[in-house]
Amino acid sequence: VALDGKPLTPFRTDKNRALLAYLALESDRRHRREALA
Protein backbone atom coordinates (compact mmCIF):
# COMPACT_ATOMS: atom_id res chain seq x y z
CA VAL A 1 0.00 0.00 0.00
CA ALA A 2 1.33 3.43 -0.90
CA LEU A 3 0.07 6.91 -0.07
CA ASP A 4 1.10 9.51 -2.65
CA GLY A 5 3.78 7.11 -3.82
CA LYS A 6 5.25 6.51 -0.36
CA PRO A 7 4.94 2.91 0.92
CA LEU A 8 2.91 2.34 4.05
CA THR A 9 4.58 -0.42 6.03
CA PRO A 10 3.56 -0.34 9.72
CA PHE A 11 0.48 -2.51 9.40
CA ARG A 12 1.68 -4.54 12.40
CA THR A 13 -0.35 -7.69 11.75
CA ASP A 14 -1.55 -9.79 8.85
CA LYS A 15 -5.10 -9.34 10.07
CA ASN A 16 -4.81 -5.58 9.63
CA ARG A 17 -3.59 -6.21 6.08
CA ALA A 18 -6.36 -8.74 5.48
CA LEU A 19 -9.00 -6.34 6.78
CA LEU A 20 -7.96 -3.53 4.46
CA ALA A 21 -7.67 -5.89 1.47
CA TYR A 22 -11.10 -7.41 2.13
CA LEU A 23 -12.79 -4.03 2.56
CA ALA A 24 -11.09 -2.65 -0.55
CA LEU A 25 -12.12 -5.55 -2.79
CA GLU A 26 -15.63 -5.73 -1.32
CA SER A 27 -16.22 -1.98 -1.42
CA ASP A 28 -19.56 -2.27 -3.21
CA ARG A 29 -21.41 -2.73 0.08
CA ARG A 30 -21.35 -1.95 3.79
CA HIS A 31 -20.21 -4.64 6.21
CA ARG A 32 -21.63 -5.22 9.65
CA ARG A 33 -19.03 -5.03 12.38
CA GLU A 34 -20.20 -8.40 13.73
CA ALA A 35 -19.56 -10.03 10.37
CA LEU A 36 -16.06 -8.55 10.07
CA ALA A 37 -15.21 -9.59 13.61
PDB file of all heavy atoms in Angstrom:
ATOM      1  N   VAL A   1       0.858  -1.176   0.000  1.00  0.00           N
ATOM      2  CA  VAL A   1       0.000   0.000   0.000  1.00  0.00           C
ATOM      3  C   VAL A   1       0.897   1.230   0.000  1.00  0.00           C
ATOM      4  O   VAL A   1       1.899   1.290   0.728  1.00  0.00           O
ATOM      5  CB  VAL A   1      -0.934   0.020   1.227  1.00  0.00           C
ATOM      6  CG1 VAL A   1      -1.769   1.297   1.251  1.00  0.00           C
ATOM      7  CG2 VAL A   1      -1.851  -1.198   1.213  1.00  0.00           C
ATOM      8  N   ALA A   2       0.557   2.194  -0.834  1.00  0.00           N
ATOM      9  CA  ALA A   2       1.330   3.429  -0.901  1.00  0.00           C
ATOM     10  C   ALA A   2       0.390   4.628  -0.857  1.00  0.00           C
ATOM     11  O   ALA A   2      -0.700   4.599  -1.423  1.00  0.00           O
ATOM     12  CB  ALA A   2       2.179   3.469  -2.170  1.00  0.00           C
ATOM     13  N   LEU A   3       0.831   5.662  -0.178  1.00  0.00           N
ATOM     14  CA  LEU A   3       0.072   6.907  -0.071  1.00  0.00           C
ATOM     15  C   LEU A   3       0.892   8.003  -0.733  1.00  0.00           C
ATOM     16  O   LEU A   3       2.001   8.321  -0.287  1.00  0.00           O
ATOM     17  CB  LEU A   3      -0.191   7.229   1.400  1.00  0.00           C
ATOM     18  CG  LEU A   3      -1.329   8.191   1.731  1.00  0.00           C
ATOM     19  CD1 LEU A   3      -2.668   7.631   1.270  1.00  0.00           C
ATOM     20  CD2 LEU A   3      -1.361   8.476   3.231  1.00  0.00           C
ATOM     21  N   ASP A   4       0.358   8.536  -1.843  1.00  0.00           N
ATOM     22  CA  ASP A   4       1.097   9.508  -2.652  1.00  0.00           C
ATOM     23  C   ASP A   4       2.484   8.990  -3.023  1.00  0.00           C
ATOM     24  O   ASP A   4       3.480   9.716  -2.984  1.00  0.00           O
ATOM     25  CB  ASP A   4       1.220  10.845  -1.912  1.00  0.00           C
ATOM     26  CG  ASP A   4      -0.020  11.717  -2.087  1.00  0.00           C
ATOM     27  OD1 ASP A   4      -0.845  11.405  -2.973  1.00  0.00           O
ATOM     28  OD2 ASP A   4      -0.165  12.700  -1.347  1.00  0.00           O
ATOM     29  N   GLY A   5       2.532   7.709  -3.370  1.00  0.00           N
ATOM     30  CA  GLY A   5       3.776   7.113  -3.821  1.00  0.00           C
ATOM     31  C   GLY A   5       4.713   6.646  -2.725  1.00  0.00           C
ATOM     32  O   GLY A   5       5.746   6.024  -3.016  1.00  0.00           O
ATOM     33  N   LYS A   6       4.397   6.915  -1.472  1.00  0.00           N
ATOM     34  CA  LYS A   6       5.246   6.511  -0.359  1.00  0.00           C
ATOM     35  C   LYS A   6       4.673   5.259   0.297  1.00  0.00           C
ATOM     36  O   LYS A   6       3.516   5.258   0.743  1.00  0.00           O
ATOM     37  CB  LYS A   6       5.349   7.636   0.667  1.00  0.00           C
ATOM     38  CG  LYS A   6       6.001   8.901   0.120  1.00  0.00           C
ATOM     39  CD  LYS A   6       6.051   9.994   1.179  1.00  0.00           C
ATOM     40  CE  LYS A   6       6.690  11.260   0.617  1.00  0.00           C
ATOM     41  NZ  LYS A   6       6.740  12.361   1.624  1.00  0.00           N
ATOM     42  N   PRO A   7       5.460   4.165   0.357  1.00  0.00           N
ATOM     43  CA  PRO A   7       4.944   2.910   0.918  1.00  0.00           C
ATOM     44  C   PRO A   7       4.503   3.059   2.371  1.00  0.00           C
ATOM     45  O   PRO A   7       5.164   3.734   3.170  1.00  0.00           O
ATOM     46  CB  PRO A   7       6.139   1.960   0.808  1.00  0.00           C
ATOM     47  CG  PRO A   7       7.012   2.555  -0.247  1.00  0.00           C
ATOM     48  CD  PRO A   7       6.842   4.040  -0.130  1.00  0.00           C
ATOM     49  N   LEU A   8       3.378   2.434   2.674  1.00  0.00           N
ATOM     50  CA  LEU A   8       2.906   2.344   4.052  1.00  0.00           C
ATOM     51  C   LEU A   8       3.264   0.957   4.567  1.00  0.00           C
ATOM     52  O   LEU A   8       2.783  -0.053   4.041  1.00  0.00           O
ATOM     53  CB  LEU A   8       1.394   2.555   4.126  1.00  0.00           C
ATOM     54  CG  LEU A   8       0.859   3.945   3.765  1.00  0.00           C
ATOM     55  CD1 LEU A   8      -0.654   3.966   3.889  1.00  0.00           C
ATOM     56  CD2 LEU A   8       1.472   5.010   4.651  1.00  0.00           C
ATOM     57  N   THR A   9       4.103   0.886   5.567  1.00  0.00           N
ATOM     58  CA  THR A   9       4.577  -0.420   6.029  1.00  0.00           C
ATOM     59  C   THR A   9       4.137  -0.821   7.431  1.00  0.00           C
ATOM     60  O   THR A   9       4.088  -2.015   7.724  1.00  0.00           O
ATOM     61  CB  THR A   9       6.117  -0.467   5.969  1.00  0.00           C
ATOM     62  OG1 THR A   9       6.645   0.635   6.725  1.00  0.00           O
ATOM     63  CG2 THR A   9       6.597  -0.357   4.527  1.00  0.00           C
ATOM     64  N   PRO A  10       3.835   0.097   8.334  1.00  0.00           N
ATOM     65  CA  PRO A  10       3.562  -0.335   9.721  1.00  0.00           C
ATOM     66  C   PRO A  10       2.150  -0.868   9.930  1.00  0.00           C
ATOM     67  O   PRO A  10       1.368  -0.325  10.724  1.00  0.00           O
ATOM     68  CB  PRO A  10       3.812   0.941  10.538  1.00  0.00           C
ATOM     69  CG  PRO A  10       3.401   2.042   9.617  1.00  0.00           C
ATOM     70  CD  PRO A  10       3.800   1.582   8.239  1.00  0.00           C
ATOM     71  N   PHE A  11       1.816  -1.934   9.217  1.00  0.00           N
ATOM     72  CA  PHE A  11       0.475  -2.508   9.398  1.00  0.00           C
ATOM     73  C   PHE A  11       0.402  -3.431  10.609  1.00  0.00           C
ATOM     74  O   PHE A  11      -0.670  -3.871  10.996  1.00  0.00           O
ATOM     75  CB  PHE A  11       0.043  -3.257   8.134  1.00  0.00           C
ATOM     76  CG  PHE A  11      -0.513  -2.360   7.073  1.00  0.00           C
ATOM     77  CD1 PHE A  11       0.331  -1.735   6.167  1.00  0.00           C
ATOM     78  CD2 PHE A  11      -1.862  -2.102   6.997  1.00  0.00           C
ATOM     79  CE1 PHE A  11      -0.170  -0.884   5.196  1.00  0.00           C
ATOM     80  CE2 PHE A  11      -2.379  -1.247   6.036  1.00  0.00           C
ATOM     81  CZ  PHE A  11      -1.525  -0.636   5.129  1.00  0.00           C
ATOM     82  N   ARG A  12       1.565  -3.771  11.151  1.00  0.00           N
ATOM     83  CA  ARG A  12       1.680  -4.536  12.400  1.00  0.00           C
ATOM     84  C   ARG A  12       1.294  -5.998  12.278  1.00  0.00           C
ATOM     85  O   ARG A  12       2.066  -6.878  12.654  1.00  0.00           O
ATOM     86  CB  ARG A  12       0.864  -3.876  13.519  1.00  0.00           C
ATOM     87  CG  ARG A  12       1.364  -2.496  13.910  1.00  0.00           C
ATOM     88  CD  ARG A  12       0.552  -1.950  15.075  1.00  0.00           C
ATOM     89  NE  ARG A  12       0.973  -0.598  15.413  1.00  0.00           N
ATOM     90  CZ  ARG A  12       0.364   0.155  16.312  1.00  0.00           C
ATOM     91  NH1 ARG A  12      -0.692  -0.318  16.974  1.00  0.00           N
ATOM     92  NH2 ARG A  12       0.795   1.389  16.551  1.00  0.00           N
ATOM     93  N   THR A  13       0.103  -6.291  11.790  1.00  0.00           N
ATOM     94  CA  THR A  13      -0.348  -7.685  11.754  1.00  0.00           C
ATOM     95  C   THR A  13      -0.937  -8.033  10.387  1.00  0.00           C
ATOM     96  O   THR A  13      -1.409  -7.157   9.649  1.00  0.00           O
ATOM     97  CB  THR A  13      -1.433  -7.956  12.828  1.00  0.00           C
ATOM     98  OG1 THR A  13      -2.638  -7.270  12.449  1.00  0.00           O
ATOM     99  CG2 THR A  13      -0.977  -7.477  14.194  1.00  0.00           C
ATOM    100  N   ASP A  14      -0.926  -9.332  10.083  1.00  0.00           N
ATOM    101  CA  ASP A  14      -1.547  -9.793   8.846  1.00  0.00           C
ATOM    102  C   ASP A  14      -3.055  -9.564   8.855  1.00  0.00           C
ATOM    103  O   ASP A  14      -3.664  -9.393   7.790  1.00  0.00           O
ATOM    104  CB  ASP A  14      -1.252 -11.285   8.623  1.00  0.00           C
ATOM    105  CG  ASP A  14       0.122 -11.511   8.015  1.00  0.00           C
ATOM    106  OD1 ASP A  14       0.711 -10.549   7.486  1.00  0.00           O
ATOM    107  OD2 ASP A  14       0.614 -12.661   8.065  1.00  0.00           O
ATOM    108  N   LYS A  15      -3.658  -9.559  10.019  1.00  0.00           N
ATOM    109  CA  LYS A  15      -5.105  -9.345  10.073  1.00  0.00           C
ATOM    110  C   LYS A  15      -5.455  -7.895   9.730  1.00  0.00           C
ATOM    111  O   LYS A  15      -6.499  -7.638   9.123  1.00  0.00           O
ATOM    112  CB  LYS A  15      -5.669  -9.741  11.437  1.00  0.00           C
ATOM    113  CG  LYS A  15      -5.658 -11.269  11.617  1.00  0.00           C
ATOM    114  CD  LYS A  15      -6.510 -11.739  12.751  1.00  0.00           C
ATOM    115  CE  LYS A  15      -6.513 -13.273  12.799  1.00  0.00           C
ATOM    116  NZ  LYS A  15      -7.349 -13.796  13.902  1.00  0.00           N
ATOM    117  N   ASN A  16      -4.595  -6.965  10.075  1.00  0.00           N
ATOM    118  CA  ASN A  16      -4.809  -5.585   9.633  1.00  0.00           C
ATOM    119  C   ASN A  16      -4.714  -5.497   8.112  1.00  0.00           C
ATOM    120  O   ASN A  16      -5.507  -4.799   7.467  1.00  0.00           O
ATOM    121  CB  ASN A  16      -3.776  -4.655  10.268  1.00  0.00           C
ATOM    122  CG  ASN A  16      -4.013  -4.446  11.757  1.00  0.00           C
ATOM    123  OD1 ASN A  16      -5.070  -4.785  12.280  1.00  0.00           O
ATOM    124  ND2 ASN A  16      -3.019  -3.907  12.447  1.00  0.00           N
ATOM    125  N   ARG A  17      -3.736  -6.185   7.543  1.00  0.00           N
ATOM    126  CA  ARG A  17      -3.595  -6.212   6.082  1.00  0.00           C
ATOM    127  C   ARG A  17      -4.816  -6.878   5.445  1.00  0.00           C
ATOM    128  O   ARG A  17      -5.358  -6.393   4.448  1.00  0.00           O
ATOM    129  CB  ARG A  17      -2.321  -6.961   5.693  1.00  0.00           C
ATOM    130  CG  ARG A  17      -1.039  -6.320   6.187  1.00  0.00           C
ATOM    131  CD  ARG A  17       0.193  -7.127   5.769  1.00  0.00           C
ATOM    132  NE  ARG A  17       1.407  -6.543   6.314  1.00  0.00           N
ATOM    133  CZ  ARG A  17       1.931  -6.857   7.497  1.00  0.00           C
ATOM    134  NH1 ARG A  17       1.345  -7.794   8.242  1.00  0.00           N
ATOM    135  NH2 ARG A  17       3.021  -6.280   7.931  1.00  0.00           N
ATOM    136  N   ALA A  18      -5.214  -8.003   6.021  1.00  0.00           N
ATOM    137  CA  ALA A  18      -6.356  -8.737   5.477  1.00  0.00           C
ATOM    138  C   ALA A  18      -7.628  -7.903   5.541  1.00  0.00           C
ATOM    139  O   ALA A  18      -8.441  -7.918   4.605  1.00  0.00           O
ATOM    140  CB  ALA A  18      -6.539 -10.050   6.233  1.00  0.00           C
ATOM    141  N   LEU A  19      -7.810  -7.172   6.626  1.00  0.00           N
ATOM    142  CA  LEU A  19      -9.005  -6.343   6.780  1.00  0.00           C
ATOM    143  C   LEU A  19      -9.069  -5.274   5.707  1.00  0.00           C
ATOM    144  O   LEU A  19     -10.119  -5.077   5.069  1.00  0.00           O
ATOM    145  CB  LEU A  19      -9.032  -5.714   8.173  1.00  0.00           C
ATOM    146  CG  LEU A  19     -10.189  -4.747   8.464  1.00  0.00           C
ATOM    147  CD1 LEU A  19     -11.538  -5.446   8.312  1.00  0.00           C
ATOM    148  CD2 LEU A  19     -10.042  -4.137   9.858  1.00  0.00           C
ATOM    149  N   LEU A  20      -7.959  -4.568   5.480  1.00  0.00           N
ATOM    150  CA  LEU A  20      -7.962  -3.532   4.459  1.00  0.00           C
ATOM    151  C   LEU A  20      -8.174  -4.137   3.072  1.00  0.00           C
ATOM    152  O   LEU A  20      -8.950  -3.600   2.264  1.00  0.00           O
ATOM    153  CB  LEU A  20      -6.649  -2.751   4.485  1.00  0.00           C
ATOM    154  CG  LEU A  20      -6.538  -1.637   3.446  1.00  0.00           C
ATOM    155  CD1 LEU A  20      -7.661  -0.622   3.606  1.00  0.00           C
ATOM    156  CD2 LEU A  20      -5.170  -0.958   3.527  1.00  0.00           C
ATOM    157  N   ALA A  21      -7.513  -5.261   2.780  1.00  0.00           N
ATOM    158  CA  ALA A  21      -7.670  -5.891   1.469  1.00  0.00           C
ATOM    159  C   ALA A  21      -9.114  -6.334   1.245  1.00  0.00           C
ATOM    160  O   ALA A  21      -9.680  -6.128   0.161  1.00  0.00           O
ATOM    161  CB  ALA A  21      -6.727  -7.094   1.349  1.00  0.00           C
ATOM    162  N   TYR A  22      -9.715  -6.936   2.253  1.00  0.00           N
ATOM    163  CA  TYR A  22     -11.100  -7.409   2.129  1.00  0.00           C
ATOM    164  C   TYR A  22     -12.051  -6.240   1.910  1.00  0.00           C
ATOM    165  O   TYR A  22     -12.911  -6.275   1.021  1.00  0.00           O
ATOM    166  CB  TYR A  22     -11.491  -8.188   3.378  1.00  0.00           C
ATOM    167  CG  TYR A  22     -12.903  -8.730   3.340  1.00  0.00           C
ATOM    168  CD1 TYR A  22     -13.197  -9.907   2.658  1.00  0.00           C
ATOM    169  CD2 TYR A  22     -13.953  -8.058   3.973  1.00  0.00           C
ATOM    170  CE1 TYR A  22     -14.479 -10.413   2.619  1.00  0.00           C
ATOM    171  CE2 TYR A  22     -15.243  -8.544   3.931  1.00  0.00           C
ATOM    172  CZ  TYR A  22     -15.504  -9.720   3.256  1.00  0.00           C
ATOM    173  OH  TYR A  22     -16.791 -10.204   3.205  1.00  0.00           O
ATOM    174  N   LEU A  23     -11.914  -5.197   2.704  1.00  0.00           N
ATOM    175  CA  LEU A  23     -12.792  -4.034   2.559  1.00  0.00           C
ATOM    176  C   LEU A  23     -12.604  -3.370   1.195  1.00  0.00           C
ATOM    177  O   LEU A  23     -13.580  -2.949   0.561  1.00  0.00           O
ATOM    178  CB  LEU A  23     -12.513  -3.027   3.670  1.00  0.00           C
ATOM    179  CG  LEU A  23     -12.933  -3.444   5.081  1.00  0.00           C
ATOM    180  CD1 LEU A  23     -12.416  -2.442   6.105  1.00  0.00           C
ATOM    181  CD2 LEU A  23     -14.449  -3.587   5.181  1.00  0.00           C
ATOM    182  N   ALA A  24     -11.351  -3.288   0.736  1.00  0.00           N
ATOM    183  CA  ALA A  24     -11.086  -2.645  -0.552  1.00  0.00           C
ATOM    184  C   ALA A  24     -11.708  -3.422  -1.715  1.00  0.00           C
ATOM    185  O   ALA A  24     -12.305  -2.829  -2.623  1.00  0.00           O
ATOM    186  CB  ALA A  24      -9.579  -2.499  -0.762  1.00  0.00           C
ATOM    187  N   LEU A  25     -11.594  -4.745  -1.684  1.00  0.00           N
ATOM    188  CA  LEU A  25     -12.118  -5.548  -2.787  1.00  0.00           C
ATOM    189  C   LEU A  25     -13.625  -5.771  -2.691  1.00  0.00           C
ATOM    190  O   LEU A  25     -14.261  -6.126  -3.689  1.00  0.00           O
ATOM    191  CB  LEU A  25     -11.399  -6.894  -2.848  1.00  0.00           C
ATOM    192  CG  LEU A  25      -9.921  -6.838  -3.234  1.00  0.00           C
ATOM    193  CD1 LEU A  25      -9.355  -8.245  -3.376  1.00  0.00           C
ATOM    194  CD2 LEU A  25      -9.711  -6.066  -4.528  1.00  0.00           C
ATOM    195  N   GLU A  26     -14.182  -5.568  -1.517  1.00  0.00           N
ATOM    196  CA  GLU A  26     -15.631  -5.730  -1.320  1.00  0.00           C
ATOM    197  C   GLU A  26     -16.264  -4.367  -1.011  1.00  0.00           C
ATOM    198  O   GLU A  26     -17.155  -4.249  -0.169  1.00  0.00           O
ATOM    199  CB  GLU A  26     -15.898  -6.716  -0.189  1.00  0.00           C
ATOM    200  CG  GLU A  26     -15.333  -8.107  -0.421  1.00  0.00           C
ATOM    201  CD  GLU A  26     -16.022  -8.856  -1.552  1.00  0.00           C
ATOM    202  OE1 GLU A  26     -17.202  -8.553  -1.832  1.00  0.00           O
ATOM    203  OE2 GLU A  26     -15.381  -9.744  -2.157  1.00  0.00           O
ATOM    204  N   SER A  27     -15.803  -3.352  -1.724  1.00  0.00           N
ATOM    205  CA  SER A  27     -16.223  -1.980  -1.421  1.00  0.00           C
ATOM    206  C   SER A  27     -17.594  -1.616  -1.977  1.00  0.00           C
ATOM    207  O   SER A  27     -18.058  -0.487  -1.796  1.00  0.00           O
ATOM    208  CB  SER A  27     -15.182  -0.988  -1.965  1.00  0.00           C
ATOM    209  OG  SER A  27     -15.063  -1.114  -3.376  1.00  0.00           O
ATOM    210  N   ASP A  28     -18.254  -2.562  -2.631  1.00  0.00           N
ATOM    211  CA  ASP A  28     -19.565  -2.272  -3.208  1.00  0.00           C
ATOM    212  C   ASP A  28     -20.692  -2.330  -2.181  1.00  0.00           C
ATOM    213  O   ASP A  28     -21.849  -2.085  -2.508  1.00  0.00           O
ATOM    214  CB  ASP A  28     -19.863  -3.247  -4.347  1.00  0.00           C
ATOM    215  CG  ASP A  28     -19.874  -4.695  -3.894  1.00  0.00           C
ATOM    216  OD1 ASP A  28     -19.230  -5.009  -2.854  1.00  0.00           O
ATOM    217  OD2 ASP A  28     -20.505  -5.536  -4.559  1.00  0.00           O
ATOM    218  N   ARG A  29     -20.363  -2.641  -0.947  1.00  0.00           N
ATOM    219  CA  ARG A  29     -21.414  -2.725   0.078  1.00  0.00           C
ATOM    220  C   ARG A  29     -20.836  -2.423   1.459  1.00  0.00           C
ATOM    221  O   ARG A  29     -19.622  -2.446   1.662  1.00  0.00           O
ATOM    222  CB  ARG A  29     -22.056  -4.111   0.089  1.00  0.00           C
ATOM    223  CG  ARG A  29     -21.137  -5.223   0.565  1.00  0.00           C
ATOM    224  CD  ARG A  29     -21.787  -6.573   0.378  1.00  0.00           C
ATOM    225  NE  ARG A  29     -21.049  -7.647   1.043  1.00  0.00           N
ATOM    226  CZ  ARG A  29     -19.973  -8.227   0.561  1.00  0.00           C
ATOM    227  NH1 ARG A  29     -19.484  -7.829  -0.597  1.00  0.00           N
ATOM    228  NH2 ARG A  29     -19.365  -9.207   1.224  1.00  0.00           N
ATOM    229  N   ARG A  30     -21.744  -2.158   2.402  1.00  0.00           N
ATOM    230  CA  ARG A  30     -21.354  -1.951   3.792  1.00  0.00           C
ATOM    231  C   ARG A  30     -21.288  -3.297   4.503  1.00  0.00           C
ATOM    232  O   ARG A  30     -22.050  -4.210   4.194  1.00  0.00           O
ATOM    233  CB  ARG A  30     -22.354  -1.032   4.479  1.00  0.00           C
ATOM    234  CG  ARG A  30     -22.454   0.354   3.856  1.00  0.00           C
ATOM    235  CD  ARG A  30     -23.593   1.148   4.455  1.00  0.00           C
ATOM    236  NE  ARG A  30     -23.732   2.455   3.821  1.00  0.00           N
ATOM    237  CZ  ARG A  30     -24.699   3.311   4.086  1.00  0.00           C
ATOM    238  NH1 ARG A  30     -25.643   2.978   4.972  1.00  0.00           N
ATOM    239  NH2 ARG A  30     -24.761   4.473   3.468  1.00  0.00           N
ATOM    240  N   HIS A  31     -20.404  -3.392   5.477  1.00  0.00           N
ATOM    241  CA  HIS A  31     -20.209  -4.642   6.210  1.00  0.00           C
ATOM    242  C   HIS A  31     -20.517  -4.433   7.683  1.00  0.00           C
ATOM    243  O   HIS A  31     -20.028  -3.475   8.301  1.00  0.00           O
ATOM    244  CB  HIS A  31     -18.764  -5.133   6.054  1.00  0.00           C
ATOM    245  CG  HIS A  31     -18.344  -5.343   4.631  1.00  0.00           C
ATOM    246  ND1 HIS A  31     -18.507  -6.548   3.971  1.00  0.00           N
ATOM    247  CD2 HIS A  31     -17.793  -4.486   3.733  1.00  0.00           C
ATOM    248  CE1 HIS A  31     -18.064  -6.423   2.734  1.00  0.00           C
ATOM    249  NE2 HIS A  31     -17.634  -5.191   2.559  1.00  0.00           N
ATOM    250  N   ARG A  32     -21.325  -5.305   8.214  1.00  0.00           N
ATOM    251  CA  ARG A  32     -21.629  -5.217   9.648  1.00  0.00           C
ATOM    252  C   ARG A  32     -20.366  -5.523  10.461  1.00  0.00           C
ATOM    253  O   ARG A  32     -19.588  -6.406  10.107  1.00  0.00           O
ATOM    254  CB  ARG A  32     -22.732  -6.201  10.017  1.00  0.00           C
ATOM    255  CG  ARG A  32     -24.098  -5.846   9.445  1.00  0.00           C
ATOM    256  CD  ARG A  32     -25.166  -6.814   9.929  1.00  0.00           C
ATOM    257  NE  ARG A  32     -24.875  -8.199   9.530  1.00  0.00           N
ATOM    258  CZ  ARG A  32     -24.478  -9.137  10.364  1.00  0.00           C
ATOM    259  NH1 ARG A  32     -24.317  -8.871  11.657  1.00  0.00           N
ATOM    260  NH2 ARG A  32     -24.256 -10.360   9.926  1.00  0.00           N
ATOM    261  N   ARG A  33     -20.196  -4.802  11.529  1.00  0.00           N
ATOM    262  CA  ARG A  33     -19.034  -5.032  12.383  1.00  0.00           C
ATOM    263  C   ARG A  33     -18.994  -6.474  12.889  1.00  0.00           C
ATOM    264  O   ARG A  33     -17.923  -7.081  12.975  1.00  0.00           O
ATOM    265  CB  ARG A  33     -19.054  -4.068  13.574  1.00  0.00           C
ATOM    266  CG  ARG A  33     -18.572  -2.652  13.245  1.00  0.00           C
ATOM    267  CD  ARG A  33     -18.685  -1.767  14.475  1.00  0.00           C
ATOM    268  NE  ARG A  33     -18.128  -0.443  14.242  1.00  0.00           N
ATOM    269  CZ  ARG A  33     -16.938  -0.036  14.685  1.00  0.00           C
ATOM    270  NH1 ARG A  33     -16.181  -0.863  15.374  1.00  0.00           N
ATOM    271  NH2 ARG A  33     -16.517   1.194  14.449  1.00  0.00           N
ATOM    272  N   GLU A  34     -20.159  -7.025  13.234  1.00  0.00           N
ATOM    273  CA  GLU A  34     -20.197  -8.403  13.732  1.00  0.00           C
ATOM    274  C   GLU A  34     -19.668  -9.378  12.695  1.00  0.00           C
ATOM    275  O   GLU A  34     -18.947 -10.335  13.024  1.00  0.00           O
ATOM    276  CB  GLU A  34     -21.628  -8.787  14.125  1.00  0.00           C
ATOM    277  CG  GLU A  34     -22.182  -8.058  15.332  1.00  0.00           C
ATOM    278  CD  GLU A  34     -22.790  -6.709  14.962  1.00  0.00           C
ATOM    279  OE1 GLU A  34     -22.664  -6.287  13.787  1.00  0.00           O
ATOM    280  OE2 GLU A  34     -23.384  -6.071  15.856  1.00  0.00           O
ATOM    281  N   ALA A  35     -20.007  -9.137  11.431  1.00  0.00           N
ATOM    282  CA  ALA A  35     -19.562 -10.032  10.367  1.00  0.00           C
ATOM    283  C   ALA A  35     -18.048  -9.939  10.168  1.00  0.00           C
ATOM    284  O   ALA A  35     -17.375 -10.961   9.971  1.00  0.00           O
ATOM    285  CB  ALA A  35     -20.288  -9.697   9.071  1.00  0.00           C
ATOM    286  N   LEU A  36     -17.509  -8.726  10.225  1.00  0.00           N
ATOM    287  CA  LEU A  36     -16.060  -8.555  10.067  1.00  0.00           C
ATOM    288  C   LEU A  36     -15.305  -9.175  11.242  1.00  0.00           C
ATOM    289  O   LEU A  36     -14.250  -9.797  11.054  1.00  0.00           O
ATOM    290  CB  LEU A  36     -15.720  -7.073   9.948  1.00  0.00           C
ATOM    291  CG  LEU A  36     -16.196  -6.362   8.684  1.00  0.00           C
ATOM    292  CD1 LEU A  36     -15.930  -4.867   8.777  1.00  0.00           C
ATOM    293  CD2 LEU A  36     -15.529  -6.950   7.431  1.00  0.00           C
ATOM    294  N   ALA A  37     -15.844  -9.003  12.426  1.00  0.00           N
ATOM    295  CA  ALA A  37     -15.207  -9.593  13.605  1.00  0.00           C
ATOM    296  C   ALA A  37     -15.180 -11.114  13.503  1.00  0.00           C
ATOM    297  O   ALA A  37     -14.164 -11.767  13.805  1.00  0.00           O
ATOM    298  CB  ALA A  37     -15.934  -9.149  14.875  1.00  0.00           C
TER     299      ALA A  37
END
